[in-house]
Amino acid sequence: MTGPLTQLGQNTALPASPDQAVLETVPNPHPGTLYLVRFAAPEFTSLCPITGQPDFAHLVIDYAPDAALVESKSLKLFLGSFRNHGAFHEDCTLAIAKRLVAASAPKWLRIGGYWYPRGGIPIDVFWQTGTPPEGLWLPDQGVPSYRGRG
């Protein structure tokens, strides 16, 4: 959605679910320039769809914008809408990425979902839209593999 912003600059309630969340975009002031935008959400939460227990992740979202930029407050509200949403780690990670692609039509996007252990097993989920554009600088996502207390 590139158009009038409905959430920025206003007191906006957290959406009850990801389906109710609205991802907004703004025009990219540099549409002909290849560059990377990174969003890091180190305190992402969702619920296990079986037990209802909370799951925690550090998400890193990198994208090369085309005509639109993701408006960050709408992203924050969208990510927050998962707080009471039951879904497996893989589903959450890919659902977020695919909604971002649908909303902003970037040149390229990747997501790293670094999930904290439940039952002793950390799960990391990675996805990208394809090969990164030639010449795009891709920094490491900077999240080390889980090492426990060691």
N, C-alpha and C. Protein backbone atom coordinates (compact mmCIF):
# COMPACT_ATOMS: atom_id res chain seq x y z
N MET A 1 0.85 -1.18 0.00
CA MET A 1 0.00 0.00 0.00
C MET A 1 0.88 1.23 0.00
N THR A 2 0.98 1.92 -1.09
CA THR A 2 1.64 3.21 -1.12
C THR A 2 0.54 4.25 -1.24
N GLY A 3 0.43 5.07 -0.25
CA GLY A 3 -0.64 6.05 -0.25
C GLY A 3 -0.68 6.74 1.09
N PRO A 4 -1.85 7.25 1.47
CA PRO A 4 -1.94 7.96 2.74
C PRO A 4 -1.64 7.02 3.91
N LEU A 5 -0.85 7.53 4.83
CA LEU A 5 -0.49 6.73 6.00
C LEU A 5 -1.60 6.84 7.03
N THR A 6 -2.01 5.71 7.57
CA THR A 6 -3.11 5.69 8.53
C THR A 6 -2.66 5.44 9.96
N GLN A 7 -1.36 5.12 10.15
CA GLN A 7 -0.89 4.75 11.49
C GLN A 7 0.17 5.70 12.04
N LEU A 8 1.02 6.23 11.16
CA LEU A 8 2.12 7.09 11.58
C LEU A 8 1.58 8.40 12.14
N GLY A 9 2.13 8.83 13.26
CA GLY A 9 1.73 10.10 13.86
C GLY A 9 0.44 10.03 14.64
N GLN A 10 -0.06 8.82 14.86
CA GLN A 10 -1.30 8.65 15.59
C GLN A 10 -1.14 7.58 16.65
N ASN A 11 -1.98 7.63 17.65
CA ASN A 11 -2.03 6.56 18.64
C ASN A 11 -2.76 5.40 17.97
N THR A 12 -2.05 4.31 17.72
CA THR A 12 -2.60 3.19 16.98
C THR A 12 -2.53 1.93 17.83
N ALA A 13 -3.65 1.27 17.98
CA ALA A 13 -3.70 0.04 18.78
C ALA A 13 -2.99 -1.09 18.05
N LEU A 14 -2.45 -2.00 18.84
CA LEU A 14 -1.81 -3.19 18.28
C LEU A 14 -2.89 -4.06 17.63
N PRO A 15 -2.69 -4.46 16.37
CA PRO A 15 -3.68 -5.32 15.72
C PRO A 15 -3.83 -6.64 16.48
N ALA A 16 -5.03 -7.18 16.47
CA ALA A 16 -5.32 -8.41 17.20
C ALA A 16 -4.68 -9.64 16.57
N SER A 17 -4.36 -9.56 15.27
CA SER A 17 -3.76 -10.70 14.58
C SER A 17 -2.98 -10.19 13.37
N PRO A 18 -2.07 -11.01 12.85
CA PRO A 18 -1.34 -10.60 11.64
C PRO A 18 -2.27 -10.31 10.46
N ASP A 19 -3.38 -11.05 10.36
CA ASP A 19 -4.32 -10.81 9.26
C ASP A 19 -4.96 -9.44 9.34
N GLN A 20 -5.12 -8.90 10.54
CA GLN A 20 -5.72 -7.58 10.71
C GLN A 20 -4.70 -6.45 10.58
N ALA A 21 -3.42 -6.78 10.65
CA ALA A 21 -2.37 -5.74 10.58
C ALA A 21 -2.26 -5.20 9.16
N VAL A 22 -1.99 -3.92 9.06
CA VAL A 22 -1.84 -3.24 7.77
C VAL A 22 -0.38 -2.82 7.63
N LEU A 23 0.28 -3.33 6.60
CA LEU A 23 1.65 -2.91 6.29
C LEU A 23 1.56 -1.75 5.31
N GLU A 24 2.10 -0.62 5.69
CA GLU A 24 2.05 0.56 4.84
C GLU A 24 3.43 0.83 4.24
N THR A 25 3.42 1.51 3.12
CA THR A 25 4.67 1.88 2.45
C THR A 25 4.65 3.37 2.13
N VAL A 26 5.84 3.87 1.87
CA VAL A 26 6.00 5.25 1.41
C VAL A 26 6.86 5.21 0.15
N PRO A 27 6.77 6.23 -0.69
CA PRO A 27 7.59 6.24 -1.90
C PRO A 27 9.09 6.28 -1.55
N ASN A 28 9.87 5.51 -2.28
CA ASN A 28 11.32 5.49 -2.12
C ASN A 28 11.89 6.75 -2.77
N PRO A 29 12.57 7.60 -2.01
CA PRO A 29 13.12 8.82 -2.61
C PRO A 29 14.32 8.56 -3.52
N HIS A 30 14.84 7.33 -3.53
CA HIS A 30 15.99 6.96 -4.37
C HIS A 30 15.69 5.66 -5.12
N PRO A 31 14.63 5.62 -5.93
CA PRO A 31 14.22 4.35 -6.56
C PRO A 31 15.23 3.79 -7.55
N GLY A 32 16.11 4.60 -8.10
CA GLY A 32 17.09 4.11 -9.06
C GLY A 32 18.41 3.70 -8.43
N THR A 33 18.49 3.78 -7.11
CA THR A 33 19.73 3.46 -6.41
C THR A 33 19.60 2.10 -5.73
N LEU A 34 20.61 1.25 -5.92
CA LEU A 34 20.62 -0.06 -5.28
C LEU A 34 21.22 0.09 -3.88
N TYR A 35 20.40 -0.19 -2.87
CA TYR A 35 20.88 -0.13 -1.49
C TYR A 35 20.08 -1.10 -0.63
N LEU A 36 20.60 -1.35 0.56
CA LEU A 36 20.00 -2.33 1.46
C LEU A 36 19.40 -1.63 2.67
N VAL A 37 18.23 -2.07 3.08
CA VAL A 37 17.59 -1.61 4.31
C VAL A 37 17.51 -2.81 5.24
N ARG A 38 17.85 -2.61 6.49
CA ARG A 38 17.79 -3.70 7.48
C ARG A 38 16.86 -3.31 8.62
N PHE A 39 15.96 -4.24 8.94
CA PHE A 39 15.15 -4.14 10.14
C PHE A 39 15.58 -5.28 11.05
N ALA A 40 15.85 -4.98 12.31
CA ALA A 40 16.18 -6.01 13.30
C ALA A 40 15.13 -5.95 14.40
N ALA A 41 14.57 -7.10 14.72
CA ALA A 41 13.58 -7.20 15.78
C ALA A 41 14.08 -8.25 16.77
N PRO A 42 14.92 -7.84 17.74
CA PRO A 42 15.53 -8.81 18.64
C PRO A 42 14.61 -9.35 19.72
N GLU A 43 13.38 -8.82 19.81
CA GLU A 43 12.46 -9.26 20.86
C GLU A 43 11.13 -9.73 20.29
N PHE A 44 11.16 -10.36 19.12
CA PHE A 44 9.94 -10.85 18.48
C PHE A 44 9.34 -11.98 19.31
N THR A 45 8.00 -11.98 19.43
CA THR A 45 7.33 -13.05 20.16
C THR A 45 6.11 -13.52 19.38
N SER A 46 5.83 -14.80 19.55
CA SER A 46 4.61 -15.43 19.04
C SER A 46 4.26 -16.54 20.02
N LEU A 47 3.24 -17.31 19.68
CA LEU A 47 2.83 -18.41 20.55
C LEU A 47 2.97 -19.75 19.84
N CYS A 48 3.34 -20.77 20.59
CA CYS A 48 3.32 -22.13 20.06
C CYS A 48 1.86 -22.48 19.76
N PRO A 49 1.58 -22.97 18.55
CA PRO A 49 0.18 -23.26 18.20
C PRO A 49 -0.39 -24.48 18.94
N ILE A 50 0.46 -25.26 19.56
CA ILE A 50 0.00 -26.46 20.26
C ILE A 50 -0.17 -26.19 21.76
N THR A 51 0.88 -25.63 22.38
CA THR A 51 0.87 -25.45 23.83
C THR A 51 0.40 -24.06 24.27
N GLY A 52 0.46 -23.09 23.37
CA GLY A 52 0.12 -21.72 23.75
C GLY A 52 1.24 -21.01 24.50
N GLN A 53 2.38 -21.68 24.66
CA GLN A 53 3.52 -21.07 25.34
C GLN A 53 4.21 -20.06 24.43
N PRO A 54 4.83 -19.04 25.00
CA PRO A 54 5.49 -18.02 24.15
C PRO A 54 6.75 -18.56 23.50
N ASP A 55 6.97 -18.11 22.28
CA ASP A 55 8.21 -18.36 21.54
C ASP A 55 8.86 -17.02 21.28
N PHE A 56 10.19 -17.00 21.29
CA PHE A 56 10.95 -15.76 21.14
C PHE A 56 11.95 -15.91 20.00
N ALA A 57 12.14 -14.84 19.26
CA ALA A 57 13.08 -14.87 18.15
C ALA A 57 13.75 -13.52 17.98
N HIS A 58 14.89 -13.56 17.34
CA HIS A 58 15.58 -12.36 16.85
C HIS A 58 15.43 -12.41 15.33
N LEU A 59 14.65 -11.50 14.79
CA LEU A 59 14.45 -11.45 13.34
C LEU A 59 15.36 -10.40 12.73
N VAL A 60 15.94 -10.73 11.59
CA VAL A 60 16.71 -9.76 10.81
C VAL A 60 16.14 -9.79 9.39
N ILE A 61 15.64 -8.65 8.96
CA ILE A 61 15.02 -8.52 7.63
C ILE A 61 15.85 -7.54 6.82
N ASP A 62 16.38 -8.01 5.70
CA ASP A 62 17.15 -7.18 4.77
C ASP A 62 16.38 -7.10 3.47
N TYR A 63 16.26 -5.88 2.92
CA TYR A 63 15.62 -5.77 1.62
C TYR A 63 16.22 -4.64 0.81
N ALA A 64 16.20 -4.82 -0.50
CA ALA A 64 16.62 -3.79 -1.45
C ALA A 64 15.34 -3.19 -2.01
N PRO A 65 14.99 -1.98 -1.60
CA PRO A 65 13.72 -1.40 -2.05
C PRO A 65 13.73 -1.05 -3.52
N ASP A 66 12.54 -1.04 -4.09
CA ASP A 66 12.35 -0.59 -5.47
C ASP A 66 11.61 0.74 -5.39
N ALA A 67 10.35 0.77 -5.71
CA ALA A 67 9.59 2.02 -5.71
C ALA A 67 9.08 2.41 -4.33
N ALA A 68 8.99 1.44 -3.40
CA ALA A 68 8.39 1.71 -2.09
C ALA A 68 9.29 1.29 -0.95
N LEU A 69 9.17 2.01 0.15
CA LEU A 69 9.83 1.66 1.41
C LEU A 69 8.77 1.17 2.39
N VAL A 70 9.12 0.23 3.24
CA VAL A 70 8.22 -0.22 4.28
C VAL A 70 8.21 0.84 5.38
N GLU A 71 7.03 1.29 5.76
CA GLU A 71 6.92 2.28 6.83
C GLU A 71 7.13 1.55 8.15
N SER A 72 8.08 2.04 8.96
CA SER A 72 8.55 1.27 10.11
C SER A 72 7.51 1.12 11.23
N LYS A 73 6.65 2.12 11.46
CA LYS A 73 5.65 1.95 12.52
C LYS A 73 4.67 0.85 12.14
N SER A 74 4.27 0.80 10.88
CA SER A 74 3.35 -0.26 10.46
C SER A 74 4.03 -1.63 10.58
N LEU A 75 5.33 -1.69 10.32
CA LEU A 75 6.06 -2.95 10.50
C LEU A 75 6.08 -3.34 11.97
N LYS A 76 6.34 -2.37 12.85
CA LYS A 76 6.37 -2.65 14.28
C LYS A 76 5.02 -3.20 14.74
N LEU A 77 3.92 -2.60 14.29
CA LEU A 77 2.59 -3.07 14.67
C LEU A 77 2.31 -4.44 14.07
N PHE A 78 2.73 -4.67 12.83
CA PHE A 78 2.56 -5.98 12.20
C PHE A 78 3.31 -7.05 12.99
N LEU A 79 4.57 -6.80 13.32
CA LEU A 79 5.34 -7.79 14.08
C LEU A 79 4.73 -8.00 15.46
N GLY A 80 4.27 -6.93 16.09
CA GLY A 80 3.64 -7.04 17.40
C GLY A 80 2.35 -7.85 17.37
N SER A 81 1.69 -7.89 16.22
CA SER A 81 0.43 -8.62 16.10
C SER A 81 0.62 -10.13 16.22
N PHE A 82 1.85 -10.60 16.14
CA PHE A 82 2.14 -12.03 16.31
C PHE A 82 2.19 -12.42 17.79
N ARG A 83 2.19 -11.45 18.68
CA ARG A 83 2.35 -11.72 20.11
C ARG A 83 1.33 -12.72 20.64
N ASN A 84 0.11 -12.67 20.14
CA ASN A 84 -0.93 -13.60 20.59
C ASN A 84 -1.37 -14.54 19.47
N HIS A 85 -0.49 -14.73 18.51
CA HIS A 85 -0.78 -15.55 17.33
C HIS A 85 -0.05 -16.89 17.46
N GLY A 86 -0.78 -17.96 17.29
CA GLY A 86 -0.18 -19.29 17.36
C GLY A 86 0.26 -19.77 15.99
N ALA A 87 1.56 -19.99 15.84
CA ALA A 87 2.10 -20.52 14.58
C ALA A 87 3.50 -21.06 14.85
N PHE A 88 3.88 -22.06 14.06
CA PHE A 88 5.23 -22.60 14.18
C PHE A 88 6.25 -21.59 13.69
N HIS A 89 7.49 -21.77 14.11
CA HIS A 89 8.58 -20.84 13.77
C HIS A 89 8.69 -20.61 12.27
N GLU A 90 8.64 -21.71 11.53
CA GLU A 90 8.79 -21.61 10.08
C GLU A 90 7.66 -20.79 9.47
N ASP A 91 6.44 -21.01 9.94
CA ASP A 91 5.29 -20.29 9.42
C ASP A 91 5.39 -18.80 9.73
N CYS A 92 5.73 -18.45 10.95
CA CYS A 92 5.87 -17.04 11.32
C CYS A 92 6.90 -16.35 10.43
N THR A 93 8.06 -16.96 10.31
CA THR A 93 9.16 -16.34 9.56
C THR A 93 8.77 -16.11 8.10
N LEU A 94 8.24 -17.14 7.45
CA LEU A 94 7.88 -17.00 6.04
C LEU A 94 6.66 -16.11 5.83
N ALA A 95 5.70 -16.15 6.74
CA ALA A 95 4.52 -15.28 6.62
C ALA A 95 4.93 -13.81 6.67
N ILE A 96 5.86 -13.48 7.55
CA ILE A 96 6.35 -12.10 7.64
C ILE A 96 7.02 -11.70 6.34
N ALA A 97 7.91 -12.53 5.86
CA ALA A 97 8.64 -12.20 4.62
C ALA A 97 7.69 -12.03 3.44
N LYS A 98 6.76 -12.95 3.30
CA LYS A 98 5.85 -12.89 2.15
C LYS A 98 4.91 -11.69 2.22
N ARG A 99 4.49 -11.30 3.41
CA ARG A 99 3.66 -10.08 3.54
C ARG A 99 4.47 -8.85 3.17
N LEU A 100 5.74 -8.81 3.57
CA LEU A 100 6.59 -7.67 3.21
C LEU A 100 6.79 -7.58 1.71
N VAL A 101 7.00 -8.71 1.06
CA VAL A 101 7.16 -8.73 -0.39
C VAL A 101 5.88 -8.26 -1.07
N ALA A 102 4.74 -8.75 -0.59
CA ALA A 102 3.46 -8.36 -1.20
C ALA A 102 3.19 -6.87 -1.02
N ALA A 103 3.57 -6.32 0.12
CA ALA A 103 3.28 -4.92 0.41
C ALA A 103 4.20 -3.95 -0.33
N SER A 104 5.49 -4.31 -0.43
CA SER A 104 6.46 -3.33 -0.93
C SER A 104 7.11 -3.67 -2.25
N ALA A 105 6.93 -4.88 -2.76
CA ALA A 105 7.53 -5.32 -4.03
C ALA A 105 9.00 -4.91 -4.14
N PRO A 106 9.83 -5.39 -3.21
CA PRO A 106 11.25 -5.01 -3.24
C PRO A 106 11.99 -5.67 -4.40
N LYS A 107 13.16 -5.14 -4.71
CA LYS A 107 14.03 -5.79 -5.70
C LYS A 107 14.49 -7.14 -5.17
N TRP A 108 14.65 -7.22 -3.85
CA TRP A 108 15.15 -8.45 -3.21
C TRP A 108 14.87 -8.35 -1.72
N LEU A 109 14.63 -9.49 -1.08
CA LEU A 109 14.41 -9.53 0.37
C LEU A 109 14.92 -10.85 0.91
N ARG A 110 15.49 -10.78 2.12
CA ARG A 110 15.83 -12.01 2.86
C ARG A 110 15.44 -11.79 4.31
N ILE A 111 15.13 -12.90 4.97
CA ILE A 111 14.82 -12.85 6.40
C ILE A 111 15.59 -13.96 7.10
N GLY A 112 16.10 -13.65 8.26
CA GLY A 112 16.68 -14.64 9.16
C GLY A 112 15.86 -14.64 10.43
N GLY A 113 15.28 -15.79 10.75
CA GLY A 113 14.55 -15.94 12.01
C GLY A 113 15.38 -16.81 12.93
N TYR A 114 15.96 -16.19 13.95
CA TYR A 114 16.83 -16.88 14.90
C TYR A 114 16.01 -17.13 16.17
N TRP A 115 15.42 -18.32 16.26
CA TRP A 115 14.49 -18.64 17.33
C TRP A 115 15.24 -19.21 18.53
N TYR A 116 14.84 -18.77 19.70
CA TYR A 116 15.45 -19.26 20.94
C TYR A 116 14.92 -20.67 21.24
N PRO A 117 15.72 -21.48 21.94
CA PRO A 117 15.35 -22.89 22.15
C PRO A 117 14.06 -23.07 22.93
N ARG A 118 13.32 -24.08 22.50
CA ARG A 118 12.20 -24.64 23.28
C ARG A 118 12.42 -26.13 23.22
N GLY A 119 12.39 -26.77 24.35
CA GLY A 119 12.65 -28.20 24.38
C GLY A 119 14.11 -28.52 24.05
N GLY A 120 14.98 -27.54 24.23
CA GLY A 120 16.41 -27.76 24.02
C GLY A 120 16.88 -27.61 22.59
N ILE A 121 16.00 -27.26 21.66
CA ILE A 121 16.40 -27.18 20.25
C ILE A 121 16.12 -25.76 19.71
N PRO A 122 17.17 -25.02 19.37
CA PRO A 122 16.92 -23.76 18.68
C PRO A 122 16.61 -24.02 17.21
N ILE A 123 15.76 -23.23 16.64
CA ILE A 123 15.40 -23.37 15.23
C ILE A 123 15.70 -22.04 14.54
N ASP A 124 16.50 -22.08 13.50
CA ASP A 124 16.78 -20.90 12.69
C ASP A 124 16.13 -21.10 11.33
N VAL A 125 15.42 -20.08 10.86
CA VAL A 125 14.69 -20.17 9.60
C VAL A 125 15.16 -19.04 8.69
N PHE A 126 15.53 -19.40 7.44
CA PHE A 126 16.05 -18.43 6.49
C PHE A 126 15.28 -18.53 5.18
N TRP A 127 15.04 -17.38 4.55
CA TRP A 127 14.36 -17.36 3.25
C TRP A 127 14.76 -16.09 2.52
N GLN A 128 14.83 -16.19 1.20
CA GLN A 128 15.06 -15.00 0.39
C GLN A 128 14.30 -15.14 -0.92
N THR A 129 14.07 -14.01 -1.57
CA THR A 129 13.26 -14.01 -2.78
C THR A 129 13.99 -14.56 -3.99
N GLY A 130 15.30 -14.65 -3.95
CA GLY A 130 16.08 -15.15 -5.08
C GLY A 130 17.51 -14.67 -4.93
N THR A 131 18.21 -14.64 -6.03
CA THR A 131 19.60 -14.18 -6.02
C THR A 131 19.64 -12.68 -5.77
N PRO A 132 20.51 -12.22 -4.86
CA PRO A 132 20.60 -10.78 -4.62
C PRO A 132 21.04 -10.05 -5.89
N PRO A 133 20.58 -8.82 -6.08
CA PRO A 133 21.00 -8.05 -7.24
C PRO A 133 22.53 -7.86 -7.25
N GLU A 134 23.11 -7.92 -8.42
CA GLU A 134 24.55 -7.74 -8.54
C GLU A 134 24.94 -6.36 -8.03
N GLY A 135 25.97 -6.34 -7.18
CA GLY A 135 26.46 -5.08 -6.64
C GLY A 135 25.84 -4.68 -5.32
N LEU A 136 24.86 -5.43 -4.82
CA LEU A 136 24.23 -5.11 -3.54
C LEU A 136 25.14 -5.57 -2.42
N TRP A 137 25.47 -4.66 -1.51
CA TRP A 137 26.31 -5.01 -0.36
C TRP A 137 25.45 -5.73 0.66
N LEU A 138 25.87 -6.95 1.00
CA LEU A 138 25.14 -7.77 1.96
C LEU A 138 25.98 -8.02 3.20
N PRO A 139 25.77 -7.24 4.24
CA PRO A 139 26.49 -7.51 5.48
C PRO A 139 25.98 -8.79 6.13
N ASP A 140 26.82 -9.41 6.92
CA ASP A 140 26.41 -10.57 7.70
C ASP A 140 25.25 -10.14 8.60
N GLN A 141 24.33 -11.03 8.87
CA GLN A 141 23.20 -10.66 9.72
C GLN A 141 23.60 -10.45 11.17
N GLY A 142 24.78 -10.91 11.56
CA GLY A 142 25.32 -10.56 12.87
C GLY A 142 24.71 -11.30 14.06
N VAL A 143 23.98 -12.36 13.81
CA VAL A 143 23.38 -13.12 14.92
C VAL A 143 24.11 -14.45 15.00
N PRO A 144 24.86 -14.68 16.06
CA PRO A 144 25.60 -15.94 16.15
C PRO A 144 24.67 -17.12 16.38
N SER A 145 25.14 -18.29 16.01
CA SER A 145 24.39 -19.51 16.29
C SER A 145 24.23 -19.66 17.81
N TYR A 146 23.16 -20.30 18.23
CA TYR A 146 22.90 -20.46 19.65
C TYR A 146 23.95 -21.39 20.28
N ARG A 147 24.51 -20.94 21.41
CA ARG A 147 25.56 -21.73 22.05
C ARG A 147 25.19 -22.11 23.48
N GLY A 148 24.01 -21.79 23.91
CA GLY A 148 23.63 -22.13 25.30
C GLY A 148 24.42 -21.32 26.29
N ARG A 149 24.75 -21.93 27.38
CA ARG A 149 25.46 -21.23 28.47
C ARG A 149 26.96 -21.22 28.25
N GLY A 150 27.46 -21.94 27.24
CA GLY A 150 28.86 -22.18 27.03
C GLY A 150 29.65 -21.05 26.64
